[in-house]
C-alpha atoms as a PDB file:
ATOM      1  CA  MET A   1       4.945  39.873  -7.585  1.00  0.00           C
ATOM      2  CA  GLN A   2       5.562  37.373 -10.080  1.00  0.00           C
ATOM      3  CA  GLN A   3       3.821  34.630  -8.448  1.00  0.00           C
ATOM      4  CA  GLU A   4       0.729  36.929  -7.736  1.00  0.00           C
ATOM      5  CA  SER A   5       0.764  37.336 -11.502  1.00  0.00           C
ATOM      6  CA  ARG A   6       0.553  33.508 -12.187  1.00  0.00           C
ATOM      7  CA  ILE A   7      -2.291  33.107  -9.712  1.00  0.00           C
ATOM      8  CA  LYS A   8      -4.419  36.275 -11.561  1.00  0.00           C
ATOM      9  CA  LYS A   9      -3.548  34.317 -14.944  1.00  0.00           C
ATOM     10  CA  LEU A  10      -4.564  30.963 -13.606  1.00  0.00           C
ATOM     11  CA  THR A  11      -7.873  32.467 -12.031  1.00  0.00           C
ATOM     12  CA  SER A  12      -8.740  34.145 -14.806  1.00  0.00           C
ATOM     13  CA  SER A  13      -8.315  31.243 -17.309  1.00  0.00           C
ATOM     14  CA  LYS A  14     -11.164  29.544 -18.699  1.00  0.00           C
ATOM     15  CA  SER A  15     -10.032  26.276 -17.259  1.00  0.00           C
ATOM     16  CA  PHE A  16     -10.079  27.761 -13.940  1.00  0.00           C
ATOM     17  CA  LEU A  17     -13.862  29.077 -14.663  1.00  0.00           C
ATOM     18  CA  LEU A  18     -14.948  25.504 -16.075  1.00  0.00           C
ATOM     19  CA  LEU A  19     -13.756  23.810 -12.917  1.00  0.00           C
ATOM     20  CA  ALA A  20     -15.215  26.451 -10.659  1.00  0.00           C
ATOM     21  CA  ILE A  21     -18.446  25.909 -12.395  1.00  0.00           C
ATOM     22  CA  THR A  22     -18.159  22.198 -12.189  1.00  0.00           C
ATOM     23  CA  ALA A  23     -17.560  22.468  -8.218  1.00  0.00           C
ATOM     24  CA  VAL A  24     -20.509  24.590  -8.049  1.00  0.00           C
ATOM     25  CA  VAL A  25     -22.622  22.288  -9.748  1.00  0.00           C
ATOM     26  CA  LEU A  26     -21.281  19.235  -7.559  1.00  0.00           C
ATOM     27  CA  ILE A  27     -22.423  21.449  -4.452  1.00  0.00           C
ATOM     28  CA  ILE A  28     -25.813  22.046  -5.423  1.00  0.00           C
ATOM     29  CA  THR A  29     -26.318  18.097  -6.902  1.00  0.00           C
ATOM     30  CA  ALA A  30     -25.378  17.229  -3.285  1.00  0.00           C
ATOM     31  CA  LEU A  31     -27.293  19.270  -1.276  1.00  0.00           C
ATOM     32  CA  VAL A  32     -30.395  18.804  -3.684  1.00  0.00           C
ATOM     33  CA  THR A  33     -29.813  15.130  -3.991  1.00  0.00           C
ATOM     34  CA  PRO A  34     -28.114  13.883  -0.863  1.00  0.00           C
ATOM     35  CA  GLY A  35     -26.301  10.809  -1.633  1.00  0.00           C
ATOM     36  CA  ALA A  36     -26.032  11.563  -5.125  1.00  0.00           C
ATOM     37  CA  PHE A  37     -22.233  10.717  -5.160  1.00  0.00           C
ATOM     38  CA  ASN A  38     -20.431   7.354  -4.391  1.00  0.00           C
ATOM     39  CA  VAL A  39     -17.819   5.033  -5.583  1.00  0.00           C
ATOM     40  CA  GLY A  40     -20.178   3.723  -8.276  1.00  0.00           C
ATOM     41  CA  ASN A  41     -21.315   6.982  -9.141  1.00  0.00           C
ATOM     42  CA  ALA A  42     -17.801   8.251  -9.580  1.00  0.00           C
ATOM     43  CA  ARG A  43     -16.818   5.256 -11.342  1.00  0.00           C
ATOM     44  CA  GLN A  44     -19.331   5.820 -13.809  1.00  0.00           C
ATOM     45  CA  ILE A  45     -18.665   9.611 -14.395  1.00  0.00           C
ATOM     46  CA  LEU A  46     -14.783   8.752 -14.833  1.00  0.00           C
ATOM     47  CA  SER A  47     -15.592   5.711 -17.261  1.00  0.00           C
ATOM     48  CA  THR A  48     -17.245   8.011 -19.584  1.00  0.00           C
ATOM     49  CA  LEU A  49     -14.429  10.567 -19.391  1.00  0.00           C
ATOM     50  CA  SER A  50     -12.307   7.756 -20.331  1.00  0.00           C
ATOM     51  CA  TYR A  51     -13.379   7.089 -23.834  1.00  0.00           C
ATOM     52  CA  THR A  52     -14.896  10.812 -24.397  1.00  0.00           C
ATOM     53  CA  GLY A  53     -11.593  12.134 -23.445  1.00  0.00           C
ATOM     54  CA  ILE A  54      -9.759  10.426 -26.156  1.00  0.00           C
ATOM     55  CA  PHE A  55     -12.387  11.261 -28.638  1.00  0.00           C
ATOM     56  CA  LEU A  56     -11.679  14.705 -27.394  1.00  0.00           C
ATOM     57  CA  VAL A  57      -8.000  14.691 -28.373  1.00  0.00           C
ATOM     58  CA  GLY A  58      -8.753  13.893 -32.024  1.00  0.00           C
ATOM     59  CA  VAL A  59     -11.525  16.163 -32.321  1.00  0.00           C
ATOM     60  CA  ALA A  60      -9.654  19.318 -30.610  1.00  0.00           C
ATOM     61  CA  CYS A  61      -6.693  18.658 -32.830  1.00  0.00           C
ATOM     62  CA  LEU A  62      -8.409  18.938 -35.938  1.00  0.00           C
ATOM     63  CA  LEU A  63     -10.259  22.223 -34.794  1.00  0.00           C
ATOM     64  CA  LEU A  64      -6.820  23.619 -33.891  1.00  0.00           C
ATOM     65  CA  SER A  65      -6.019  23.509 -37.578  1.00  0.00           C
ATOM     66  CA  GLY A  66      -9.165  24.628 -38.643  1.00  0.00           C
ATOM     67  CA  GLY A  67     -10.662  21.038 -39.648  1.00  0.00           C
ATOM     68  CA  ILE A  68     -13.745  19.137 -38.349  1.00  0.00           C
ATOM     69  CA  ASP A  69     -15.172  15.560 -38.394  1.00  0.00           C
ATOM     70  CA  PHE A  70     -18.583  14.336 -37.609  1.00  0.00           C
ATOM     71  CA  SER A  71     -17.909  10.747 -38.562  1.00  0.00           C
ATOM     72  CA  THR A  72     -15.784   9.487 -35.623  1.00  0.00           C
ATOM     73  CA  SER A  73     -18.218   7.688 -33.643  1.00  0.00           C
ATOM     74  CA  ALA A  74     -19.791   6.195 -36.790  1.00  0.00           C
ATOM     75  CA  ALA A  75     -16.145   4.895 -37.980  1.00  0.00           C
ATOM     76  CA  ALA A  76     -15.359   3.966 -34.251  1.00  0.00           C
ATOM     77  CA  SER A  77     -18.440   1.479 -34.469  1.00  0.00           C
ATOM     78  CA  VAL A  78     -17.391  -0.402 -37.609  1.00  0.00           C
ATOM     79  CA  GLY A  79     -13.985  -0.499 -35.961  1.00  0.00           C
ATOM     80  CA  MET A  80     -15.149  -2.298 -32.650  1.00  0.00           C
ATOM     81  CA  LEU A  81     -17.686  -4.496 -34.812  1.00  0.00           C
ATOM     82  CA  LEU A  82     -14.448  -5.669 -36.528  1.00  0.00           C
ATOM     83  CA  PHE A  83     -12.599  -6.081 -33.251  1.00  0.00           C
ATOM     84  CA  ALA A  84     -15.494  -8.267 -32.497  1.00  0.00           C
ATOM     85  CA  GLN A  85     -15.885 -10.291 -35.445  1.00  0.00           C
ATOM     86  CA  LEU A  86     -12.208 -11.208 -35.414  1.00  0.00           C
ATOM     87  CA  LEU A  87     -12.353 -12.298 -31.711  1.00  0.00           C
ATOM     88  CA  THR A  88     -15.494 -14.587 -32.598  1.00  0.00           C
ATOM     89  CA  TRP A  89     -13.729 -15.783 -35.717  1.00  0.00           C
ATOM     90  CA  PHE A  90     -10.320 -16.430 -33.880  1.00  0.00           C
ATOM     91  CA  PRO A  91     -11.375 -17.308 -30.379  1.00  0.00           C
ATOM     92  CA  THR A  92      -7.262 -17.425 -29.632  1.00  0.00           C
ATOM     93  CA  LEU A  93      -6.188 -14.604 -31.012  1.00  0.00           C
ATOM     94  CA  PRO A  94      -4.500 -11.949 -28.449  1.00  0.00           C
ATOM     95  CA  TRP A  95      -7.021  -9.271 -28.145  1.00  0.00           C
ATOM     96  CA  PRO A  96      -4.056  -6.963 -28.925  1.00  0.00           C
ATOM     97  CA  VAL A  97      -3.578  -8.566 -32.524  1.00  0.00           C
ATOM     98  CA  ALA A  98      -7.355  -7.703 -32.826  1.00  0.00           C
ATOM     99  CA  ALA A  99      -7.076  -4.250 -31.564  1.00  0.00           C
ATOM    100  CA  LEU A 100      -4.742  -3.439 -34.241  1.00  0.00           C
ATOM    101  CA  GLY A 101      -7.160  -4.098 -37.052  1.00  0.00           C
ATOM    102  CA  THR A 102      -9.483  -1.797 -35.426  1.00  0.00           C
ATOM    103  CA  VAL A 103      -6.535   0.815 -35.211  1.00  0.00           C
ATOM    104  CA  ALA A 104      -5.758   0.131 -38.855  1.00  0.00           C
ATOM    105  CA  PHE A 105      -9.328   0.696 -39.840  1.00  0.00           C
ATOM    106  CA  GLY A 106      -9.449   4.064 -38.256  1.00  0.00           C
ATOM    107  CA  VAL A 107      -6.347   5.045 -40.218  1.00  0.00           C
ATOM    108  CA  ILE A 108      -8.439   4.128 -43.402  1.00  0.00           C
ATOM    109  CA  ALA A 109     -11.400   6.296 -42.095  1.00  0.00           C
ATOM    110  CA  GLY A 110      -9.349   9.326 -41.571  1.00  0.00           C
ATOM    111  CA  GLY A 111      -7.442   8.704 -44.692  1.00  0.00           C
ATOM    112  CA  ILE A 112     -11.175   8.520 -46.438  1.00  0.00           C
ATOM    113  CA  ASN A 113     -12.140  11.872 -44.757  1.00  0.00           C
ATOM    114  CA  ALA A 114      -8.783  13.634 -45.580  1.00  0.00           C
ATOM    115  CA  PHE A 115      -9.161  12.553 -49.297  1.00  0.00           C
ATOM    116  CA  PHE A 116     -12.483  13.911 -49.475  1.00  0.00           C
ATOM    117  CA  ALA A 117     -11.647  17.059 -47.591  1.00  0.00           C
ATOM    118  CA  ASN A 118      -8.289  18.034 -48.895  1.00  0.00           C
ATOM    119  CA  GLY A 119      -7.929  15.674 -51.945  1.00  0.00           C
ATOM    120  CA  LEU A 120     -11.288  16.958 -53.535  1.00  0.00           C
ATOM    121  CA  ASN A 121     -11.738  19.685 -51.610  1.00  0.00           C
ATOM    122  CA  LEU A 122     -15.229  19.342 -50.421  1.00  0.00           C
ATOM    123  CA  MET A 123     -16.510  20.762 -47.049  1.00  0.00           C
ATOM    124  CA  PRO A 124     -15.260  18.898 -44.229  1.00  0.00           C
ATOM    125  CA  PHE A 125     -18.556  19.604 -42.365  1.00  0.00           C
ATOM    126  CA  ILE A 126     -20.560  18.135 -45.048  1.00  0.00           C
ATOM    127  CA  CYS A 127     -18.413  15.218 -46.165  1.00  0.00           C
ATOM    128  CA  THR A 128     -17.845  13.890 -42.867  1.00  0.00           C
ATOM    129  CA  ILE A 129     -21.830  13.702 -41.803  1.00  0.00           C
ATOM    130  CA  GLY A 130     -21.709  11.998 -45.122  1.00  0.00           C
ATOM    131  CA  MET A 131     -19.317   9.359 -44.260  1.00  0.00           C
ATOM    132  CA  SER A 132     -21.026   9.025 -40.727  1.00  0.00           C
ATOM    133  CA  SER A 133     -24.024   8.015 -42.316  1.00  0.00           C
ATOM    134  CA  VAL A 134     -22.196   5.730 -44.665  1.00  0.00           C
ATOM    135  CA  TRP A 135     -20.473   3.711 -41.445  1.00  0.00           C
ATOM    136  CA  SER A 136     -23.459   3.578 -39.834  1.00  0.00           C
ATOM    137  CA  GLY A 137     -25.406   2.163 -42.414  1.00  0.00           C
ATOM    138  CA  LEU A 138     -22.540  -0.334 -43.028  1.00  0.00           C
ATOM    139  CA  ALA A 139     -22.547  -1.188 -39.384  1.00  0.00           C
ATOM    140  CA  SER A 140     -26.296  -1.810 -39.345  1.00  0.00           C
ATOM    141  CA  TRP A 141     -25.991  -3.754 -42.707  1.00  0.00           C
ATOM    142  CA  TYR A 142     -23.743  -6.300 -41.448  1.00  0.00           C
ATOM    143  CA  THR A 143     -24.982  -6.693 -37.747  1.00  0.00           C
ATOM    144  CA  ARG A 144     -28.516  -6.789 -38.775  1.00  0.00           C
ATOM    145  CA  GLY A 145     -29.052  -3.824 -36.236  1.00  0.00           C
ATOM    146  CA  GLN A 146     -28.083  -6.479 -33.278  1.00  0.00           C
ATOM    147  CA  ILE A 147     -24.775  -6.287 -30.916  1.00  0.00           C
ATOM    148  CA  MET A 148     -22.000  -8.636 -30.795  1.00  0.00           C
ATOM    149  CA  PRO A 149     -20.891  -9.860 -27.441  1.00  0.00           C
ATOM    150  CA  ILE A 150     -17.348  -9.796 -26.630  1.00  0.00           C
ATOM    151  CA  ARG A 151     -16.446 -12.280 -24.526  1.00  0.00           C
ATOM    152  CA  ASN A 152     -12.434 -11.969 -24.198  1.00  0.00           C
ATOM    153  CA  THR A 153     -12.228 -11.994 -20.367  1.00  0.00           C
ATOM    154  CA  SER A 154      -8.803 -10.276 -20.455  1.00  0.00           C
ATOM    155  CA  PHE A 155     -10.037  -7.087 -22.848  1.00  0.00           C
ATOM    156  CA  ASN A 156     -13.074  -7.089 -20.659  1.00  0.00           C
ATOM    157  CA  GLY A 157     -11.269  -6.602 -17.579  1.00  0.00           C
ATOM    158  CA  ILE A 158      -9.454  -3.542 -18.937  1.00  0.00           C
ATOM    159  CA  ALA A 159     -12.254  -1.319 -18.265  1.00  0.00           C
ATOM    160  CA  ALA A 160     -13.115  -3.040 -15.003  1.00  0.00           C
ATOM    161  CA  SER A 161      -9.402  -2.468 -13.643  1.00  0.00           C
ATOM    162  CA  TYR A 162      -9.228   0.352 -10.671  1.00  0.00           C
ATOM    163  CA  ILE A 163      -6.465   1.970  -8.801  1.00  0.00           C
ATOM    164  CA  GLY A 164      -6.800   0.011  -5.526  1.00  0.00           C
ATOM    165  CA  LYS A 165     -10.086   0.567  -3.880  1.00  0.00           C
ATOM    166  CA  SER A 166     -10.447   3.861  -5.310  1.00  0.00           C
ATOM    167  CA  PRO A 167     -13.256   4.662  -8.169  1.00  0.00           C
ATOM    168  CA  ILE A 168     -10.335   5.955 -10.515  1.00  0.00           C
ATOM    169  CA  PRO A 169      -9.976   3.275 -13.657  1.00  0.00           C
ATOM    170  CA  TRP A 170      -6.744   3.043 -15.112  1.00  0.00           C
ATOM    171  CA  VAL A 171      -8.197   3.637 -18.604  1.00  0.00           C
ATOM    172  CA  PHE A 172      -8.740   7.352 -17.363  1.00  0.00           C
ATOM    173  CA  ILE A 173      -5.167   7.433 -16.087  1.00  0.00           C
ATOM    174  CA  PHE A 174      -4.215   6.326 -19.667  1.00  0.00           C
ATOM    175  CA  THR A 175      -6.656   9.048 -21.290  1.00  0.00           C
ATOM    176  CA  ILE A 176      -4.774  11.932 -18.758  1.00  0.00           C
ATOM    177  CA  ALA A 177      -1.547  10.508 -20.242  1.00  0.00           C
ATOM    178  CA  VAL A 178      -2.758  10.888 -23.894  1.00  0.00           C
ATOM    179  CA  ILE A 179      -3.711  14.548 -23.240  1.00  0.00           C
ATOM    180  CA  ALA A 180      -0.808  14.988 -21.529  1.00  0.00           C
ATOM    181  CA  VAL A 181       1.561  14.118 -24.255  1.00  0.00           C
ATOM    182  CA  TYR A 182      -0.783  15.878 -26.859  1.00  0.00           C
ATOM    183  CA  SER A 183      -0.752  19.101 -25.047  1.00  0.00           C
ATOM    184  CA  VAL A 184       3.121  19.119 -25.106  1.00  0.00           C
ATOM    185  CA  ILE A 185       3.080  18.448 -28.748  1.00  0.00           C
ATOM    186  CA  ILE A 186       0.514  21.120 -29.576  1.00  0.00           C
ATOM    187  CA  LYS A 187       2.437  23.847 -27.146  1.00  0.00           C
ATOM    188  CA  SER A 188       6.084  22.797 -27.594  1.00  0.00           C
ATOM    189  CA  THR A 189       6.913  21.011 -30.708  1.00  0.00           C
ATOM    190  CA  ARG A 190       7.523  22.456 -34.536  1.00  0.00           C
ATOM    191  CA  PHE A 191       4.313  20.394 -35.425  1.00  0.00           C
ATOM    192  CA  GLY A 192       2.195  21.547 -32.707  1.00  0.00           C
ATOM    193  CA  ARG A 193       3.094  25.288 -33.721  1.00  0.00           C
ATOM    194  CA  SER A 194       2.200  24.319 -37.486  1.00  0.00           C
ATOM    195  CA  VAL A 195      -1.146  23.251 -36.284  1.00  0.00           C
ATOM    196  CA  LEU A 196      -1.514  26.434 -34.404  1.00  0.00           C
ATOM    197  CA  MET A 197      -0.538  28.294 -37.779  1.00  0.00           C
ATOM    198  CA  VAL A 198      -2.527  26.412 -40.393  1.00  0.00           C
ATOM    199  CA  GLY A 199      -5.611  26.868 -38.146  1.00  0.00           C
ATOM    200  CA  GLY A 200      -4.959  30.947 -37.332  1.00  0.00           C
ATOM    201  CA  ASN A 201      -4.188  31.668 -41.033  1.00  0.00           C
ATOM    202  CA  PRO A 202      -3.631  29.228 -43.798  1.00  0.00           C
ATOM    203  CA  THR A 203      -2.399  31.720 -46.206  1.00  0.00           C
ATOM    204  CA  ALA A 204       0.066  33.026 -43.865  1.00  0.00           C
ATOM    205  CA  ALA A 205       0.961  29.413 -43.008  1.00  0.00           C
ATOM    206  CA  ARG A 206       1.769  28.896 -46.811  1.00  0.00           C
ATOM    207  CA  LEU A 207       3.886  31.754 -47.252  1.00  0.00           C
ATOM    208  CA  ALA A 208       5.776  30.343 -44.218  1.00  0.00           C
ATOM    209  CA  GLY A 209       6.483  27.384 -46.411  1.00  0.00           C
ATOM    210  CA  LEU A 210       4.006  25.010 -44.521  1.00  0.00           C
ATOM    211  CA  ASN A 211       1.656  22.631 -46.207  1.00  0.00           C
ATOM    212  CA  PRO A 212      -1.732  23.046 -44.798  1.00  0.00           C
ATOM    213  CA  LYS A 213      -3.273  20.046 -46.546  1.00  0.00           C
ATOM    214  CA  LYS A 214      -0.390  17.750 -45.478  1.00  0.00           C
ATOM    215  CA  ILE A 215      -0.688  18.856 -42.097  1.00  0.00           C
ATOM    216  CA  LYS A 216      -4.926  18.508 -41.714  1.00  0.00           C
ATOM    217  CA  ASN A 217      -4.150  15.252 -43.609  1.00  0.00           C
ATOM    218  CA  ILE A 218      -2.399  14.041 -40.739  1.00  0.00           C
ATOM    219  CA  LEU A 219      -4.650  15.267 -38.198  1.00  0.00           C
ATOM    220  CA  PHE A 220      -8.019  13.561 -39.813  1.00  0.00           C
ATOM    221  CA  ILE A 221      -5.787  10.043 -39.911  1.00  0.00           C
ATOM    222  CA  ASN A 222      -4.897  10.915 -36.162  1.00  0.00           C
ATOM    223  CA  ASN A 223      -8.625  11.643 -35.408  1.00  0.00           C
ATOM    224  CA  GLY A 224      -9.580   8.210 -36.877  1.00  0.00           C
ATOM    225  CA  VAL A 225      -7.109   6.413 -34.654  1.00  0.00           C
ATOM    226  CA  LEU A 226      -8.066   7.969 -31.443  1.00  0.00           C
ATOM    227  CA  ALA A 227     -11.439   7.509 -32.256  1.00  0.00           C
ATOM    228  CA  SER A 228     -10.706   3.817 -32.957  1.00  0.00           C
ATOM    229  CA  ILE A 229      -9.148   3.622 -29.603  1.00  0.00           C
ATOM    230  CA  GLY A 230     -11.857   5.372 -27.634  1.00  0.00           C
ATOM    231  CA  GLY A 231     -14.043   3.026 -29.373  1.00  0.00           C
ATOM    232  CA  LEU A 232     -12.302  -0.180 -28.045  1.00  0.00           C
ATOM    233  CA  ILE A 233     -12.413   1.533 -24.566  1.00  0.00           C
ATOM    234  CA  TRP A 234     -16.511   1.812 -24.819  1.00  0.00           C
ATOM    235  CA  ALA A 235     -16.288  -1.703 -26.055  1.00  0.00           C
ATOM    236  CA  SER A 236     -14.380  -2.802 -22.933  1.00  0.00           C
ATOM    237  CA  GLN A 237     -16.821  -1.268 -20.930  1.00  0.00           C
ATOM    238  CA  MET A 238     -19.977  -2.532 -22.519  1.00  0.00           C
ATOM    239  CA  LYS A 239     -18.703  -5.859 -23.237  1.00  0.00           C
ATOM    240  CA  MET A 240     -19.933  -5.743 -26.633  1.00  0.00           C
ATOM    241  CA  GLY A 241     -19.655  -4.265 -30.268  1.00  0.00           C
ATOM    242  CA  SER A 242     -22.635  -2.036 -31.183  1.00  0.00           C
ATOM    243  CA  PRO A 243     -23.653  -0.685 -34.738  1.00  0.00           C
ATOM    244  CA  SER A 244     -25.520   2.197 -32.970  1.00  0.00           C
ATOM    245  CA  GLY A 245     -24.352   2.649 -29.200  1.00  0.00           C
ATOM    246  CA  LEU A 246     -21.421   4.646 -29.457  1.00  0.00           C
ATOM    247  CA  VAL A 247     -23.359   6.913 -32.328  1.00  0.00           C
ATOM    248  CA  SER A 248     -26.100   7.575 -29.627  1.00  0.00           C
ATOM    249  CA  ALA A 249     -23.700   8.502 -27.365  1.00  0.00           C
ATOM    250  CA  ALA A 250     -22.201  11.110 -29.798  1.00  0.00           C
ATOM    251  CA  PRO A 251     -18.541  11.460 -28.109  1.00  0.00           C
ATOM    252  CA  GLU A 252     -17.324  13.557 -31.051  1.00  0.00           C
ATOM    253  CA  MET A 253     -20.369  16.161 -30.153  1.00  0.00           C
ATOM    254  CA  THR A 254     -19.503  16.556 -26.639  1.00  0.00           C
ATOM    255  CA  ALA A 255     -15.994  16.860 -27.459  1.00  0.00           C
ATOM    256  CA  LEU A 256     -16.813  19.664 -30.087  1.00  0.00           C
ATOM    257  CA  THR A 257     -18.959  21.626 -27.340  1.00  0.00           C
ATOM    258  CA  ALA A 258     -16.148  21.098 -24.735  1.00  0.00           C
ATOM    259  CA  SER A 259     -13.488  22.068 -26.755  1.00  0.00           C
ATOM    260  CA  ILE A 260     -15.170  25.055 -27.846  1.00  0.00           C
ATOM    261  CA  LEU A 261     -16.113  25.618 -23.989  1.00  0.00           C
ATOM    262  CA  GLY A 262     -12.866  25.298 -23.176  1.00  0.00           C
ATOM    263  CA  GLY A 263     -11.156  27.895 -25.587  1.00  0.00           C
ATOM    264  CA  VAL A 264     -10.340  26.001 -28.814  1.00  0.00           C
ATOM    265  CA  SER A 265     -11.608  28.112 -31.337  1.00  0.00           C
ATOM    266  CA  PHE A 266     -14.310  26.717 -33.901  1.00  0.00           C
ATOM    267  CA  MET A 267     -12.154  28.644 -36.821  1.00  0.00           C
ATOM    268  CA  GLY A 268      -8.917  27.055 -35.228  1.00  0.00           C
ATOM    269  CA  GLY A 269      -5.636  28.379 -34.377  1.00  0.00           C
ATOM    270  CA  ALA A 270      -6.301  29.388 -30.737  1.00  0.00           C
ATOM    271  CA  GLY A 271      -6.777  27.035 -27.615  1.00  0.00           C
ATOM    272  CA  SER A 272      -5.785  23.950 -25.426  1.00  0.00           C
ATOM    273  CA  LEU A 273      -6.403  20.761 -24.786  1.00  0.00           C
ATOM    274  CA  GLY A 274      -6.510  21.069 -20.963  1.00  0.00           C
ATOM    275  CA  GLY A 275      -9.019  23.921 -21.344  1.00  0.00           C
ATOM    276  CA  ALA A 276     -11.137  21.475 -23.395  1.00  0.00           C
ATOM    277  CA  PHE A 277     -10.911  18.821 -21.046  1.00  0.00           C
ATOM    278  CA  CYS A 278     -12.255  20.947 -18.376  1.00  0.00           C
ATOM    279  CA  GLY A 279     -15.182  21.446 -20.727  1.00  0.00           C
ATOM    280  CA  VAL A 280     -15.481  17.869 -21.095  1.00  0.00           C
ATOM    281  CA  ILE A 281     -15.810  17.372 -16.816  1.00  0.00           C
ATOM    282  CA  LEU A 282     -18.204  20.062 -16.733  1.00  0.00           C
ATOM    283  CA  ILE A 283     -20.351  18.518 -19.577  1.00  0.00           C
ATOM    284  CA  GLN A 284     -20.289  15.225 -18.152  1.00  0.00           C
ATOM    285  CA  VAL A 285     -20.639  16.400 -14.208  1.00  0.00           C
ATOM    286  CA  LEU A 286     -23.881  18.586 -15.623  1.00  0.00           C
ATOM    287  CA  ALA A 287     -25.526  15.436 -17.575  1.00  0.00           C
ATOM    288  CA  TYR A 288     -25.056  13.279 -14.597  1.00  0.00           C
ATOM    289  CA  ALA A 289     -26.556  16.005 -12.058  1.00  0.00           C
ATOM    290  CA  LEU A 290     -29.561  16.555 -14.014  1.00  0.00           C
ATOM    291  CA  GLN A 291     -29.969  12.697 -14.331  1.00  0.00           C
ATOM    292  CA  VAL A 292     -29.777  12.226 -10.568  1.00  0.00           C
ATOM    293  CA  MET A 293     -32.318  15.021 -10.076  1.00  0.00           C
ATOM    294  CA  GLY A 294     -34.837  12.842 -11.944  1.00  0.00           C
ATOM    295  CA  LEU A 295     -35.276  15.619 -14.553  1.00  0.00           C
ATOM    296  CA  PRO A 296     -36.438  14.523 -18.239  1.00  0.00           C
ATOM    297  CA  VAL A 297     -34.219  13.385 -20.693  1.00  0.00           C
ATOM    298  CA  TRP A 298     -34.852  15.978 -23.205  1.00  0.00           C
ATOM    299  CA  ILE A 299     -33.767  18.708 -20.476  1.00  0.00           C
ATOM    300  CA  ILE A 300     -30.112  17.261 -20.821  1.00  0.00           C
ATOM    301  CA  THR A 301     -30.234  17.416 -24.418  1.00  0.00           C
ATOM    302  CA  PHE A 302     -31.676  21.295 -24.251  1.00  0.00           C
ATOM    303  CA  VAL A 303     -29.046  21.949 -21.892  1.00  0.00           C
ATOM    304  CA  ASN A 304     -26.105  20.344 -24.301  1.00  0.00           C
ATOM    305  CA  GLY A 305     -27.184  21.991 -27.395  1.00  0.00           C
ATOM    306  CA  SER A 306     -27.566  25.500 -25.266  1.00  0.00           C
ATOM    307  CA  LEU A 307     -24.089  24.928 -24.409  1.00  0.00           C
ATOM    308  CA  LEU A 308     -22.719  24.581 -27.736  1.00  0.00           C
ATOM    309  CA  VAL A 309     -25.093  27.713 -28.954  1.00  0.00           C
ATOM    310  CA  VAL A 310     -23.493  29.759 -26.064  1.00  0.00           C
ATOM    311  CA  ALA A 311     -19.936  28.367 -26.583  1.00  0.00           C
ATOM    312  CA  LEU A 312     -20.038  29.052 -30.444  1.00  0.00           C
ATOM    313  CA  THR A 313     -21.202  32.984 -29.766  1.00  0.00           C
ATOM    314  CA  ILE A 314     -18.315  33.875 -27.151  1.00  0.00           C
ATOM    315  CA  ASP A 315     -15.730  32.082 -29.683  1.00  0.00           C
ATOM    316  CA  ASN A 316     -17.036  33.862 -32.626  1.00  0.00           C
ATOM    317  CA  TYR A 317     -16.760  37.085 -30.457  1.00  0.00           C
ATOM    318  CA  ALA A 318     -13.306  36.284 -29.128  1.00  0.00           C
ATOM    319  CA  THR A 319     -12.315  35.435 -32.835  1.00  0.00           C
ATOM    320  CA  GLN A 320     -13.354  38.828 -34.180  1.00  0.00           C
ATOM    321  CA  ARG A 321     -11.689  40.317 -31.411  1.00  0.00           C
ATOM    322  CA  ARG A 322      -8.483  38.486 -32.031  1.00  0.00           C
ATOM    323  CA  LEU A 323      -8.196  39.223 -35.596  1.00  0.00           C
ATOM    324  CA  LYS A 324      -9.021  42.950 -35.137  1.00  0.00           C
ATOM    325  CA  LYS A 325      -6.096  43.007 -32.900  1.00  0.00           C
ATOM    326  CA  LEU A 326      -3.914  41.266 -35.361  1.00  0.00           C
ATOM    327  CA  GLY A 327      -5.024  43.605 -37.995  1.00  0.00           C
ATOM    328  CA  ILE A 328      -6.639  40.815 -40.169  1.00  0.00           C
ATOM    329  CA  ARG A 329      -9.900  41.275 -41.671  1.00  0.00           C
ATOM    330  CA  SER A 330     -12.725  38.301 -41.666  1.00  0.00           C
ATOM    331  CA  THR A 331     -14.565  37.742 -44.585  1.00  0.00           C
ATOM    332  CA  GLY A 332     -17.705  36.091 -42.670  1.00  0.00           C
ATOM    333  CA  SER A 333     -18.716  32.857 -41.655  1.00  0.00           C
ATOM    334  CA  SER A 334     -16.859  31.128 -44.556  1.00  0.00           C
ATOM    335  CA  GLY A 335     -13.650  31.579 -42.752  1.00  0.00           C
ATOM    336  CA  GLY A 336     -11.964  33.560 -45.356  1.00  0.00           C
ATOM    337  CA  MET A 337      -9.375  35.916 -43.968  1.00  0.00           C
ATOM    338  CA  VAL A 338      -7.673  39.173 -45.448  1.00  0.00           C
ATOM    339  CA  MET A 339      -4.186  39.958 -44.260  1.00  0.00           C
ATOM    340  CA  PRO A 340      -3.381  43.759 -43.459  1.00  0.00           C
ATOM    341  CA  GLY A 341      -3.179  46.140 -46.640  1.00  0.00           C
ATOM    342  CA  ALA A 342      -4.642  43.336 -48.645  1.00  0.00           C
ATOM    343  CA  LYS A 343      -7.828  44.274 -50.575  1.00  0.00           C
END
């Protein structure tokens, strides 16, 4: 009986639904375009999931707390250019040392967002879009819009390392490990429960003795660090630093859409990283399927935008039901909430 209950719970979860849809997309693509899937294509999909998955963790954790950051890809671009420049200035410098400089910049970029959002109480949605333009402008100014090649063979070999003869890159295993560690933190630690409480109801969190601003500050910085790591993975795959390449890929937007598809509430307080990662898998497989079918690029953009709108609509409905069940009245799109008995 207990086993049947677990099976029913699994099959009714969003993760299972997303994986089932992904399987259907794979089957349809294989039928419509024979030979669409081979080792090379599998490596391409898994490589994209490797850096997108890292961005996903930072974005999803911030969403769980009720925060948001649209500057991550631009900040990561500046970080990878810093990495490339350090290796150019100091050819004998071990790449892990240069990578520490990139991670340190991620801390600074996340800290700046935290200062604007929580120190000056600016809207995170607006100020992080502004910081995205700032970082993109600086990157374009410094490089004059040109790429910076990375010729460190040891670093470039990271993204090209696979498990035996399989199509699975080692960086993909690293991404899975990061997602697993953060999932445990969110689900099973005091800090993780604090993140969910802050996202679910900041007022109740303050009454419980938590400091919502401090928790969000940590998550903004965490997001900056993870974005810098994701940027390094992208740079290793492309063998270059680019002022606009990663921004054009927009991994934070993919991560946002995937998180909401996977059950992470846009208002915060609910969801899981596992479900969000299943959302990323669906988005990447769907984008690849549309590409190999020879459909125009605008269709991929249209589908991704539609997925985000649908996910937000479903999330809004689910959030209203959850709040009503808890006896909490939402004041509207501003995100304000009124506790039971309050006026």
